[in-house]
Protein backbone atom coordinates (compact mmCIF):
# COMPACT_ATOMS: atom_id res chain seq x y z
CA MET A 1 12.26 83.20 64.97
CA THR A 2 9.86 83.26 67.92
CA GLU A 3 7.11 80.68 67.59
CA ILE A 4 3.50 81.57 68.39
CA ASP A 5 1.72 79.13 70.68
CA PRO A 6 -2.03 79.44 69.91
CA ARG A 7 -2.76 78.48 73.52
CA SER A 8 -0.98 81.58 74.87
CA LEU A 9 -2.03 84.32 72.39
CA PRO A 10 -2.28 87.79 73.90
CA ALA A 11 -5.71 89.22 74.56
CA LEU A 12 -7.32 89.85 71.16
CA PRO A 13 -9.58 92.81 70.33
CA ALA A 14 -13.23 92.21 69.61
CA LEU A 15 -13.82 92.21 65.84
CA MET A 16 -16.08 94.86 64.34
CA ILE A 17 -14.24 94.82 61.03
CA ALA A 18 -15.61 94.45 57.46
CA GLY A 19 -15.10 90.67 57.78
CA PRO A 20 -14.62 88.14 59.06
CA GLY A 21 -16.95 88.32 62.06
CA GLU A 22 -16.53 86.66 65.41
CA MET A 23 -18.21 83.28 65.80
CA HIS A 24 -21.06 82.61 68.10
CA GLY A 25 -20.37 80.23 70.96
CA ASP A 26 -22.57 77.38 69.74
CA ASP A 27 -20.86 77.49 66.30
CA LEU A 28 -17.44 77.72 67.89
CA ASN A 29 -18.21 74.60 69.93
CA VAL A 30 -19.22 72.72 66.74
CA LEU A 31 -16.02 73.86 65.05
CA GLY A 32 -14.04 72.24 67.85
CA HIS A 33 -15.68 68.81 67.37
CA GLN A 34 -13.34 65.94 66.57
CA VAL A 35 -12.71 65.83 62.81
CA LEU A 36 -15.25 63.84 60.82
CA ALA A 37 -14.48 61.71 57.80
CA HIS A 38 -15.44 63.47 54.58
CA TYR A 39 -17.34 60.44 53.28
CA GLY A 40 -19.86 57.84 54.52
CA ASP A 41 -23.44 57.98 55.78
CA ILE A 42 -22.98 60.46 58.59
CA TRP A 43 -21.07 62.93 56.44
CA THR A 44 -23.38 62.74 53.46
CA GLN A 45 -26.33 63.55 55.58
CA ILE A 46 -24.61 66.58 57.12
CA HIS A 47 -23.38 67.74 53.67
CA SER A 48 -26.75 67.38 52.01
CA GLU A 49 -28.48 69.22 54.89
CA THR A 50 -26.03 72.08 54.61
CA ILE A 51 -26.54 72.35 50.88
CA ALA A 52 -30.36 72.47 51.39
CA LEU A 53 -29.98 75.19 54.08
CA LEU A 54 -27.79 77.20 51.73
CA GLY A 55 -30.37 76.91 48.99
CA ARG A 56 -32.87 78.53 51.29
CA ILE A 57 -30.58 81.30 52.29
CA LEU A 58 -29.58 81.99 48.63
CA GLY A 59 -33.11 81.55 47.23
CA ALA A 60 -32.01 78.97 44.72
CA ALA A 61 -33.91 75.85 43.70
CA ASP A 62 -30.84 74.45 41.93
CA PRO A 63 -28.57 73.00 44.73
CA PRO A 64 -25.69 75.46 45.43
CA TYR A 65 -22.11 74.45 45.21
CA LEU A 66 -20.07 74.48 48.51
CA ILE A 67 -16.35 74.71 47.54
CA PRO A 68 -13.34 74.90 49.89
CA GLY A 69 -11.67 78.19 49.41
CA THR A 70 -13.12 81.72 49.55
CA GLY A 71 -15.84 83.83 47.84
CA THR A 72 -13.19 84.77 45.24
CA THR A 73 -12.67 81.05 44.55
CA CYS A 74 -16.34 80.86 43.56
CA LEU A 75 -16.20 84.06 41.54
CA ASP A 76 -13.45 82.46 39.52
CA ALA A 77 -15.55 79.38 39.16
CA ALA A 78 -18.65 81.38 38.06
CA VAL A 79 -16.71 83.32 35.42
CA MET A 80 -14.82 80.38 33.97
CA ASN A 81 -17.90 78.18 33.76
CA LEU A 82 -20.52 80.64 32.54
CA PHE A 83 -18.38 82.45 29.91
CA GLU A 84 -15.77 81.41 27.35
CA PRO A 85 -12.51 83.18 26.40
CA GLY A 86 -13.09 86.04 23.98
CA GLN A 87 -16.63 86.78 25.10
CA LYS A 88 -17.61 90.26 26.13
CA VAL A 89 -18.83 91.06 29.63
CA VAL A 90 -19.67 94.31 31.46
CA THR A 91 -18.71 95.10 35.04
CA ALA A 92 -19.30 98.14 37.29
CA ASP A 93 -16.32 99.96 38.77
CA THR A 94 -17.73 100.32 42.28
CA GLY A 95 -14.47 100.10 44.17
CA PHE A 96 -11.91 97.48 45.28
CA PHE A 97 -14.17 94.49 44.69
CA GLY A 98 -15.68 95.90 41.57
CA THR A 99 -12.14 96.09 40.28
CA ARG A 100 -11.52 92.49 41.39
CA LEU A 101 -14.46 91.39 39.19
CA MET A 102 -12.73 93.00 36.21
CA GLU A 103 -9.47 91.33 37.09
CA VAL A 104 -11.04 87.86 37.42
CA CYS A 105 -12.77 88.30 34.06
CA ARG A 106 -9.65 89.41 32.29
CA ALA A 107 -7.65 86.54 33.85
CA ASN A 108 -10.18 84.20 32.28
CA GLY A 109 -9.70 85.70 28.81
CA LEU A 110 -12.83 87.81 28.59
CA GLU A 111 -13.27 91.20 26.89
CA VAL A 112 -14.22 93.52 29.71
CA THR A 113 -16.03 96.81 29.48
CA HIS A 114 -16.49 98.60 32.77
CA VAL A 115 -19.09 101.23 33.77
CA PRO A 116 -17.73 104.05 36.04
CA VAL A 117 -19.53 104.53 39.31
CA GLU A 118 -19.26 107.67 41.45
CA VAL A 119 -17.89 106.90 44.98
CA GLY A 120 -20.81 106.50 47.36
CA ALA A 121 -23.36 106.21 44.60
CA PRO A 122 -25.32 103.18 43.44
CA ILE A 123 -24.80 101.64 40.02
CA ASP A 124 -26.94 103.34 37.36
CA ALA A 125 -28.86 100.49 35.71
CA GLU A 126 -29.50 102.58 32.57
CA ARG A 127 -25.81 103.18 31.99
CA VAL A 128 -25.24 99.45 32.42
CA ALA A 129 -27.94 98.66 29.88
CA GLU A 130 -26.27 100.95 27.33
CA ALA A 131 -22.82 99.50 27.97
CA ALA A 132 -24.09 95.92 27.80
CA LYS A 133 -25.38 95.99 24.22
CA GLY A 134 -23.89 93.03 22.39
CA ALA A 135 -22.35 91.57 25.51
CA HIS A 136 -22.67 88.01 26.81
CA GLY A 137 -22.75 88.78 30.51
CA LEU A 138 -22.90 91.31 33.31
CA LEU A 139 -21.16 91.17 36.68
CA THR A 140 -21.58 93.47 39.71
CA VAL A 141 -21.15 93.36 43.49
CA GLN A 142 -24.37 93.78 45.54
CA VAL A 143 -22.45 95.49 48.40
CA GLU A 144 -19.10 97.07 47.73
CA THR A 145 -17.19 96.46 50.91
CA ALA A 146 -14.90 99.42 50.29
CA THR A 147 -17.68 101.97 50.29
CA GLY A 148 -20.46 100.34 52.20
CA VAL A 149 -22.90 100.90 49.23
CA ARG A 150 -25.67 98.47 48.47
CA HIS A 151 -26.23 98.34 44.72
CA PRO A 152 -29.66 97.72 43.02
CA VAL A 153 -29.17 94.15 41.84
CA GLN A 154 -32.85 93.55 41.05
CA GLU A 155 -32.93 96.58 38.71
CA ILE A 156 -29.69 95.32 37.06
CA ALA A 157 -31.06 91.86 36.81
CA GLU A 158 -34.00 93.34 34.74
CA VAL A 159 -31.48 94.85 32.36
CA ALA A 160 -29.72 91.45 32.06
CA ARG A 161 -33.02 89.66 31.27
CA ALA A 162 -34.05 92.24 28.73
CA GLN A 163 -30.81 91.76 26.85
CA ASP A 164 -30.49 88.04 27.44
CA LEU A 165 -27.29 88.36 29.48
CA ILE A 166 -26.02 86.11 32.20
CA TYR A 167 -25.88 88.10 35.41
CA VAL A 168 -23.30 87.24 38.08
CA VAL A 169 -23.53 88.90 41.52
CA ASP A 170 -20.78 89.09 44.08
CA GLY A 171 -22.72 88.68 47.31
CA VAL A 172 -19.82 88.14 49.62
CA ALA A 173 -20.59 91.30 51.67
CA SER A 174 -24.38 91.08 51.32
CA VAL A 175 -25.70 87.46 51.71
CA GLY A 176 -27.01 87.11 55.28
CA GLY A 177 -27.40 90.88 55.65
CA GLU A 178 -29.35 92.00 52.60
CA ALA A 179 -32.43 90.88 50.71
CA VAL A 180 -31.13 88.74 47.80
CA SER A 181 -32.49 85.73 45.99
CA VAL A 182 -31.32 83.92 42.87
CA ASP A 183 -34.76 82.82 41.80
CA GLY A 184 -36.71 85.68 43.37
CA MET A 185 -34.59 88.43 41.77
CA ASN A 186 -33.73 86.75 38.42
CA ILE A 187 -30.05 86.56 39.26
CA ASP A 188 -28.20 83.89 37.28
CA ALA A 189 -25.22 83.30 39.61
CA LEU A 190 -24.85 84.38 43.22
CA VAL A 191 -21.44 84.01 44.96
CA THR A 192 -20.72 84.40 48.62
CA GLY A 193 -18.29 83.24 51.39
CA SER A 194 -18.83 81.75 54.80
CA GLN A 195 -17.19 84.43 56.99
CA LYS A 196 -19.37 87.54 56.71
CA GLY A 197 -23.14 87.63 56.81
CA LEU A 198 -23.33 83.83 57.23
CA GLU A 199 -21.25 84.20 60.45
CA ALA A 200 -19.21 81.03 59.95
CA PRO A 201 -15.41 80.61 59.78
CA PRO A 202 -13.59 81.63 56.67
CA GLY A 203 -12.64 78.96 54.20
CA LEU A 204 -15.82 78.10 52.24
CA GLY A 205 -17.11 79.62 49.05
CA MET A 206 -20.69 79.19 47.73
CA LEU A 207 -22.11 79.50 44.29
CA ALA A 208 -25.83 79.22 43.36
CA LEU A 209 -27.07 79.16 39.75
CA SER A 210 -30.33 79.86 38.02
CA GLY A 211 -31.91 77.64 35.43
CA ARG A 212 -30.61 79.93 32.70
CA ALA A 213 -27.12 79.73 34.08
CA ARG A 214 -27.43 75.91 34.17
CA ASP A 215 -28.41 76.02 30.48
CA ARG A 216 -25.40 78.17 29.70
CA LEU A 217 -23.17 75.76 31.54
CA GLU A 218 -24.50 72.80 29.57
CA SER A 219 -24.18 74.59 26.19
CA ARG A 220 -20.47 75.46 26.37
CA SER A 221 -18.37 74.69 23.35
CA SER A 222 -15.59 73.27 25.54
CA ARG A 223 -14.85 72.59 29.22
CA PRO A 224 -13.15 75.21 31.41
CA ARG A 225 -9.39 74.95 31.68
CA SER A 226 -9.50 73.97 35.34
CA TRP A 227 -10.29 70.66 36.91
CA TYR A 228 -10.90 71.95 40.50
CA LEU A 229 -13.25 74.68 39.44
CA ASP A 230 -14.98 72.83 36.58
CA LEU A 231 -18.55 72.68 37.85
CA LYS A 232 -19.21 69.61 35.69
CA VAL A 233 -16.59 67.83 37.74
CA TRP A 234 -18.58 68.66 40.94
CA ASP A 235 -21.78 67.62 39.22
CA TRP A 236 -20.33 64.18 38.31
CA TYR A 237 -19.38 63.48 41.92
CA ARG A 238 -22.77 64.67 43.16
CA SER A 239 -24.42 62.24 40.79
CA GLU A 240 -22.08 59.19 40.62
CA TRP A 241 -20.70 59.27 44.27
CA ALA A 242 -23.83 60.72 45.88
CA GLY A 243 -24.21 58.00 48.45
CA TRP A 244 -20.83 58.32 50.09
CA HIS A 245 -18.59 61.18 48.71
CA PRO A 246 -20.65 63.78 46.83
CA HIS A 247 -17.73 66.14 46.01
CA PRO A 248 -14.42 65.75 44.29
CA VAL A 249 -12.07 66.81 47.03
CA THR A 250 -11.61 66.43 50.76
CA MET A 251 -14.04 68.71 52.44
CA PRO A 252 -13.12 70.72 55.56
CA THR A 253 -15.72 68.94 57.58
CA ASN A 254 -15.42 71.06 60.72
CA LEU A 255 -15.94 74.28 58.73
CA VAL A 256 -19.06 72.75 57.21
CA LEU A 257 -20.34 71.79 60.65
CA ALA A 258 -19.90 75.29 61.87
CA LEU A 259 -21.61 76.69 58.74
CA ASN A 260 -24.47 74.23 59.16
CA SER A 261 -24.92 75.55 62.79
CA SER A 262 -24.85 79.25 61.80
CA LEU A 263 -27.28 78.76 58.89
CA ARG A 264 -29.74 77.01 61.29
CA ARG A 265 -29.52 79.95 63.69
CA ILE A 266 -30.28 82.46 60.94
CA LEU A 267 -33.20 80.46 59.61
CA GLU A 268 -34.65 79.87 63.12
CA VAL A 269 -34.99 83.63 63.44
CA GLY A 270 -36.33 83.79 59.86
CA LEU A 271 -34.28 85.29 56.99
CA GLU A 272 -36.50 88.28 56.49
CA THR A 273 -36.50 89.15 60.16
CA TRP A 274 -32.73 88.52 60.33
CA VAL A 275 -32.09 91.04 57.55
CA GLN A 276 -34.48 93.62 59.11
CA ASN A 277 -32.71 93.29 62.44
CA ARG A 278 -29.35 93.88 60.82
CA HIS A 279 -30.70 96.85 58.91
CA ALA A 280 -31.94 98.36 62.18
CA LEU A 281 -28.61 97.82 63.80
CA ALA A 282 -26.73 99.48 60.85
CA SER A 283 -29.07 102.44 60.97
CA CYS A 284 -28.49 102.89 64.70
CA CYS A 285 -24.68 102.70 64.14
CA ARG A 286 -24.80 105.13 61.21
CA ASP A 287 -27.08 107.56 62.98
CA GLY A 288 -24.79 107.60 66.04
CA LEU A 289 -21.74 108.30 63.92
CA GLN A 290 -23.54 111.09 62.13
CA LYS A 291 -24.42 112.74 65.48
CA LEU A 292 -20.69 112.75 66.12
CA GLY A 293 -20.29 114.87 62.95
CA MET A 294 -19.18 112.10 60.60
CA LYS A 295 -20.63 111.79 57.02
CA ALA A 296 -21.68 108.49 55.51
CA VAL A 297 -19.78 107.38 52.45
CA PRO A 298 -22.91 105.96 50.78
CA GLN A 299 -25.54 108.26 49.45
CA ALA A 300 -28.79 108.23 51.33
CA GLY A 301 -30.92 105.15 50.53
CA CYS A 302 -28.20 102.84 49.40
CA GLU A 303 -26.38 102.17 52.73
CA ALA A 304 -25.39 98.57 53.35
CA ASN A 305 -26.39 96.56 56.42
CA LEU A 306 -23.16 94.61 57.20
CA VAL A 307 -20.62 97.44 56.66
CA VAL A 308 -21.12 100.99 57.88
CA ALA A 309 -18.59 103.25 56.03
CA MET A 310 -17.99 106.87 57.21
CA TRP A 311 -15.63 109.53 56.01
CA ALA A 312 -12.92 110.36 58.62
CA GLU A 313 -10.04 112.82 58.69
CA ASP A 314 -7.70 110.48 60.58
CA PRO A 315 -8.99 106.87 60.41
CA ALA A 316 -5.79 105.37 61.77
CA ALA A 317 -6.04 107.39 64.99
CA ILE A 318 -9.67 106.30 65.49
CA GLN A 319 -8.70 102.69 64.95
CA ALA A 320 -5.78 102.89 67.31
CA HIS A 321 -7.76 104.59 70.06
CA LEU A 322 -10.54 101.96 69.82
CA ILE A 323 -8.12 99.05 70.16
CA GLU A 324 -6.30 100.65 73.04
CA HIS A 325 -9.25 101.98 75.08
CA GLU A 326 -12.14 99.73 74.08
CA GLY A 327 -10.49 96.63 72.86
CA ILE A 328 -12.44 96.83 69.60
CA MET A 329 -10.98 96.50 66.07
CA ILE A 330 -12.67 98.24 63.17
CA SER A 331 -11.56 98.60 59.58
CA GLY A 332 -10.02 101.57 57.76
CA GLY A 333 -10.80 102.43 54.19
CA LEU A 334 -10.14 100.32 51.06
CA THR A 335 -9.68 101.70 47.60
CA PRO A 336 -11.17 104.20 46.85
CA THR A 337 -11.56 105.17 50.57
CA THR A 338 -8.08 104.20 51.75
CA GLY A 339 -6.88 106.62 54.43
CA LYS A 340 -10.16 108.55 54.21
CA ALA A 341 -12.77 106.46 55.98
CA ILE A 342 -13.54 104.02 58.77
CA ARG A 343 -15.69 100.94 58.22
CA VAL A 344 -17.60 99.25 61.11
CA GLY A 345 -18.51 95.66 60.48
CA LEU A 346 -21.81 94.31 61.88
CA MET A 347 -21.51 90.57 61.59
CA GLY A 348 -21.03 87.65 63.96
CA ARG A 349 -21.43 87.74 67.73
CA THR A 350 -20.37 91.38 68.05
CA ALA A 351 -23.28 92.62 65.91
CA THR A 352 -25.24 93.75 68.95
CA ASP A 353 -26.74 97.04 70.30
CA GLU A 354 -24.32 96.83 73.23
CA MET A 355 -21.21 96.54 71.02
CA VAL A 356 -22.40 99.34 68.71
CA GLU A 357 -22.73 101.58 71.78
CA ARG A 358 -19.26 100.70 72.95
CA ALA A 359 -17.84 101.39 69.54
CA LEU A 360 -19.65 104.76 69.32
CA GLY A 361 -18.37 105.70 72.72
CA GLY A 362 -14.83 104.91 71.75
CA ILE A 363 -15.08 106.81 68.46
CA ARG A 364 -16.56 109.79 70.34
CA ALA A 365 -13.55 109.77 72.67
CA ALA A 366 -11.17 109.31 69.75
CA LEU A 367 -12.58 112.35 67.95
CA ALA A 368 -12.45 114.46 71.12
CA ALA A 369 -8.76 113.52 71.61
CA SER A 370 -7.74 114.48 68.08
C-alpha cells in the first residue's frame, strides 16, 4: 500500500463545497500552534472565552456546550437529554438531514411522526402544528443542506411554544450564515458544528439550550444511557472542576484555538453584518447561475445563504470541469437531489466575490461544453 505523506500532497482544489469550508490564514496559523494542555490556568481562560463567544453567536444566555465530535454528536446529545424513550416527537422530512433527525430520534427510542415537505419548499408551520398535537417535542433543520432551503424556524418555534413542546433546531448549515438565536427566537436547543458557517476546522459540536430546555433536562425521570453525552456529566465538571478542567474529556485544544480565532473574526465584523454579507454573496451566486439558464432548487424567498443549490442536467460533468479547468471543487446533490443538482458552498476563505466569479465562469464553460 502506498503511504501518503501530508507534506507532499498534490495540488488540492479550492473548496466551494457544502462544507467544510477552507480556513482563513490567521485561523490556520493558530491551528498550527504547539499543542496546549487541556487543563490549567491558560487553558481554562481560553475555554471560557470560547464558550462566551459561542453564546453570543448562538444567542444563548445559558452557556453552550462544546463537545469534541460533530454536529451530529450534539444532535444525539440534544435528543437523548431532552426526551425519554417512548415519548412522541415530530420531525419534518426536508431531505437528507431531515431524515437524519428521524433516525437519531428512533435510535433513542422515541416515537417519531414526520411531516412531508415538498422538495424546494419551506416547512409548513400549520401542518407541523396539526401533527404535533399530543407530542413532547419538535425537531427540524433550519437549512437543509441537500436542497439549500432555509426553513422558518421562528414560525415553528411559535407552534412549539403554543403547544408546550421542546423545539430542537439543527443549525449545522445555518449558524454563522443565517439569523438564528436561541433566546431571541424561542428555540429550546440549537445544534451546530465548527466547520461550516463558523469557518473553523471540523471536529467540534456545539449545543445551546433555553431555560425551558434546562428545566426539561432537570426534570427527567432517569439519566440518559450514555456517559459521554449525558449533559449532567458535563455540568458536573463545569461546576466541580471549573478552575482547572471544566469538561469531562480531553479537549482538542488546537481546534478550540482555531474556533476562538474564527468566532472573534465574525464578531469583529458584527454578526448581523456578517449574515447580511453572506446573503448578498449567495444572491449574487444564485443570480449568476440563473442567468446561465439554471433553476434554483429552493422556492423564491427561502434560499439559504451558505449553500446555493441549483438543478442541473449533468452535475458530475460540471463538477469535473470545474476541478480540471478552475481548480474549484463544488458539491453534487444529496438525497433528494442526488444526480440532479449542484451545490455551491459559500463558507470559509473562498466565500468571496472573486471566487464566485471564478466558479460562475467555470460553470458557464462547462455548460457550453456539454
